Every structure is written in C-alpha cells, then in structure tokens.
Amino acid sequence: MEEIVKIENKLLAKLGTELMDDIQVTLINVRDKSMLVSSIRAKWVMKFFREKEQLKKLKQAKEALIQQGTDSLQTTDISARTMSKLRLNEKVMENNPKFKKLNILLDQQSEVIQFMEYALNIVSDFNFTVKHVLDALKLEQA
C-alpha cells in the first residue's frame, strides 16, 4: 500500500517531483535519458549550489538582524551594555517577531540542502541505472 506524505516545505516537494521526473527510466525514454545523463547531473549540481547560496544569504540576514537589534538595544537600554553577547543576542531575538519567520526559513532551507545532497547521490548513480537498462535491452534483442 502506497502512503502519501504531505510535505510542508513547498520547495522540497517541487524538487522531489522534479527529481522523480528526471530519473524515471522506461523502455520508451531510456535512449533519451542516456543522452541526458550529464545534463541532468549538471542541472542538479547547479541547483544544489544555488540552494546553498540561498542558505548563506538567510544566515547573513539573521546575523544582520541580530547586529541591528543589538545596536538598537544598546543605545536604548542601559542594562544591555553590561550583558554578555549571548544574552544580548537572546534578548534581541525574543523581542523581534522577524526572527521566528527567519528561523522557519532557515530550517526549511536546511531541509532543502539535505535533500539536495541525497539527490546528488541519486543522480550520480543514475548513469549506472541507464546503463543497466540499456544492457538489459541488448540482451533481450540478442
């Protein structure tokens, strides 16, 4: 029995569907897929690095938001000047609703990166899958 799992992360769901389309091999499309193996791999490598860059940008945005909040807090709250950096960062994050949204985006992007790492492993082995299907077809025709 096939169980359908709803994926909350829309980008992850989209990438999963796209990966399944790229690696699906049938008797009808095996020759086409054999010609596209390198292109498929290059496509997924580019996607992986694009998503890593997005994660980096989100982390930089979080650091900038923390710094901005820290600077603002230190100028408005005298007690904040004596706080440790860790406690100051915590205070800034708890008072700013943007952090909750940013942390959700960071978690989702981390899931995407993890998925992309698995996808690259699958795509790396894809040429063997196509080769085995082609070899099976040759044996059947002989």
Protein backbone atom coordinates (compact mmCIF):
# COMPACT_ATOMS: atom_id res chain seq x y z
CA MET A 1 0.00 0.00 0.00
CA GLU A 2 1.44 3.34 -1.02
CA GLU A 3 1.26 6.05 1.60
CA ILE A 4 1.05 9.65 0.52
CA VAL A 5 3.03 12.02 2.71
CA LYS A 6 2.22 15.70 2.64
CA ILE A 7 5.39 17.78 2.59
CA GLU A 8 5.01 21.19 4.20
CA ASN A 9 8.07 22.67 2.52
CA LYS A 10 6.78 23.58 -0.96
CA LEU A 11 10.25 23.91 -2.48
CA LEU A 12 11.18 20.47 -1.16
CA ALA A 13 8.00 18.98 -2.64
CA LYS A 14 8.69 20.66 -6.00
CA LEU A 15 12.29 19.44 -6.07
CA GLY A 16 11.19 15.91 -5.16
CA THR A 17 8.73 15.81 -8.04
CA GLU A 18 11.33 17.22 -10.43
CA LEU A 19 13.91 14.64 -9.33
CA MET A 20 11.45 11.80 -9.87
CA ASP A 21 10.72 13.09 -13.38
CA ASP A 22 14.42 13.38 -14.18
CA ILE A 23 15.38 9.89 -13.04
CA GLN A 24 12.37 7.93 -14.24
CA VAL A 25 13.52 5.47 -16.88
CA THR A 26 11.12 3.49 -19.06
CA LEU A 27 11.58 1.41 -22.17
CA ILE A 28 10.27 4.34 -24.18
CA ASN A 29 12.59 7.04 -22.82
CA VAL A 30 15.76 5.07 -21.98
CA ARG A 31 17.67 6.19 -25.06
CA ASP A 32 16.74 9.84 -24.45
CA LYS A 33 17.74 9.56 -20.78
CA SER A 34 21.08 8.02 -21.77
CA MET A 35 21.82 11.15 -23.79
CA LEU A 36 20.75 13.44 -20.92
CA VAL A 37 22.66 11.87 -18.02
CA SER A 38 25.37 14.57 -17.98
CA SER A 39 22.85 17.37 -18.38
CA ILE A 40 20.71 16.04 -15.54
CA ARG A 41 23.73 15.81 -13.26
CA ALA A 42 24.86 19.35 -14.15
CA LYS A 43 21.36 20.67 -13.54
CA TRP A 44 21.22 19.17 -10.03
CA VAL A 45 24.73 20.39 -9.16
CA MET A 46 23.72 23.93 -10.14
CA LYS A 47 20.51 23.67 -8.12
CA PHE A 48 22.48 22.44 -5.11
CA PHE A 49 24.86 25.39 -5.17
CA ARG A 50 22.01 27.83 -5.75
CA GLU A 51 20.25 26.49 -2.65
CA LYS A 52 23.47 26.64 -0.62
CA GLU A 53 23.85 30.27 -1.64
CA GLN A 54 20.27 30.92 -0.50
CA LEU A 55 21.06 29.37 2.90
CA LYS A 56 24.13 31.57 3.17
CA LYS A 57 22.04 34.67 2.42
CA LEU A 58 19.48 33.71 5.06
CA LYS A 59 22.22 33.26 7.64
CA GLN A 60 23.69 36.64 6.73
CA ALA A 61 20.26 38.24 7.05
CA LYS A 62 19.87 36.73 10.50
CA GLU A 63 23.29 37.99 11.59
CA ALA A 64 22.50 41.46 10.24
CA LEU A 65 19.16 41.48 12.05
CA ILE A 66 20.86 40.44 15.29
CA GLN A 67 23.50 43.13 14.88
CA GLN A 68 20.91 45.77 14.12
CA GLY A 69 18.84 44.73 17.15
CA THR A 70 21.92 44.65 19.38
CA ASP A 71 22.98 48.13 18.33
CA SER A 72 19.47 49.44 18.86
CA LEU A 73 19.13 47.77 22.26
CA GLN A 74 22.48 49.05 23.49
CA THR A 75 21.53 52.62 22.65
CA THR A 76 18.07 52.44 24.25
CA ASP A 77 18.62 50.13 27.24
CA ILE A 78 21.46 50.97 29.64
CA SER A 79 21.36 47.48 31.25
CA ALA A 80 22.01 45.93 27.83
CA ARG A 81 25.50 47.44 27.79
CA THR A 82 26.65 45.10 30.55
CA MET A 83 25.07 41.91 29.13
CA SER A 84 27.13 39.16 27.59
CA LYS A 85 26.95 38.89 23.82
CA LEU A 86 25.00 35.63 24.03
CA ARG A 87 22.39 37.06 26.43
CA LEU A 88 22.14 40.23 24.37
CA ASN A 89 21.52 38.19 21.21
CA GLU A 90 18.85 36.15 23.01
CA LYS A 91 17.12 39.31 24.19
CA VAL A 92 17.18 40.78 20.69
CA MET A 93 15.74 37.57 19.19
CA GLU A 94 12.94 37.23 21.72
CA ASN A 95 11.77 40.79 21.15
CA ASN A 96 11.73 40.65 17.35
CA PRO A 97 8.96 38.71 15.53
CA LYS A 98 11.05 38.63 12.33
CA PHE A 99 13.33 36.05 13.94
CA LYS A 100 10.62 33.41 14.17
CA LYS A 101 9.93 33.74 10.44
CA LEU A 102 13.65 33.81 9.61
CA ASN A 103 14.30 30.70 11.73
CA ILE A 104 11.49 28.86 9.93
CA LEU A 105 13.02 29.82 6.58
CA LEU A 106 16.46 28.69 7.77
CA ASP A 107 15.05 25.32 8.90
CA GLN A 108 13.26 24.83 5.59
CA GLN A 109 16.36 25.76 3.61
CA SER A 110 18.46 23.34 5.68
CA GLU A 111 15.97 20.59 4.77
CA VAL A 112 16.31 21.53 1.11
CA ILE A 113 20.12 21.34 1.35
CA GLN A 114 19.90 17.91 2.97
CA PHE A 115 17.52 16.75 0.23
CA MET A 116 19.81 18.14 -2.45
CA GLU A 117 22.75 16.17 -1.04
CA TYR A 118 20.71 12.96 -1.31
CA ALA A 119 19.51 13.96 -4.77
CA LEU A 120 23.09 14.43 -5.95
CA ASN A 121 23.95 10.92 -4.76
CA ILE A 122 20.97 9.53 -6.65
CA VAL A 123 21.82 11.49 -9.79
CA SER A 124 25.45 10.35 -9.57
CA ASP A 125 24.29 6.73 -9.68
CA PHE A 126 21.75 7.44 -12.42
CA ASN A 127 24.19 6.74 -15.25
CA PHE A 128 24.57 3.18 -13.93
CA THR A 129 20.80 2.75 -13.91
CA VAL A 130 20.55 3.84 -17.52
CA LYS A 131 23.50 1.63 -18.49
CA HIS A 132 21.91 -1.41 -16.85
CA VAL A 133 18.61 -0.80 -18.63
CA LEU A 134 20.40 -0.45 -21.96
CA ASP A 135 22.37 -3.65 -21.29
CA ALA A 136 19.12 -5.47 -20.45
CA LEU A 137 17.58 -4.26 -23.71
CA LYS A 138 20.61 -5.51 -25.68
CA LEU A 139 20.33 -8.93 -24.04
CA GLU A 140 16.63 -9.15 -24.88
CA GLN A 141 17.32 -8.27 -28.53
CA ALA A 142 20.14 -10.82 -28.88
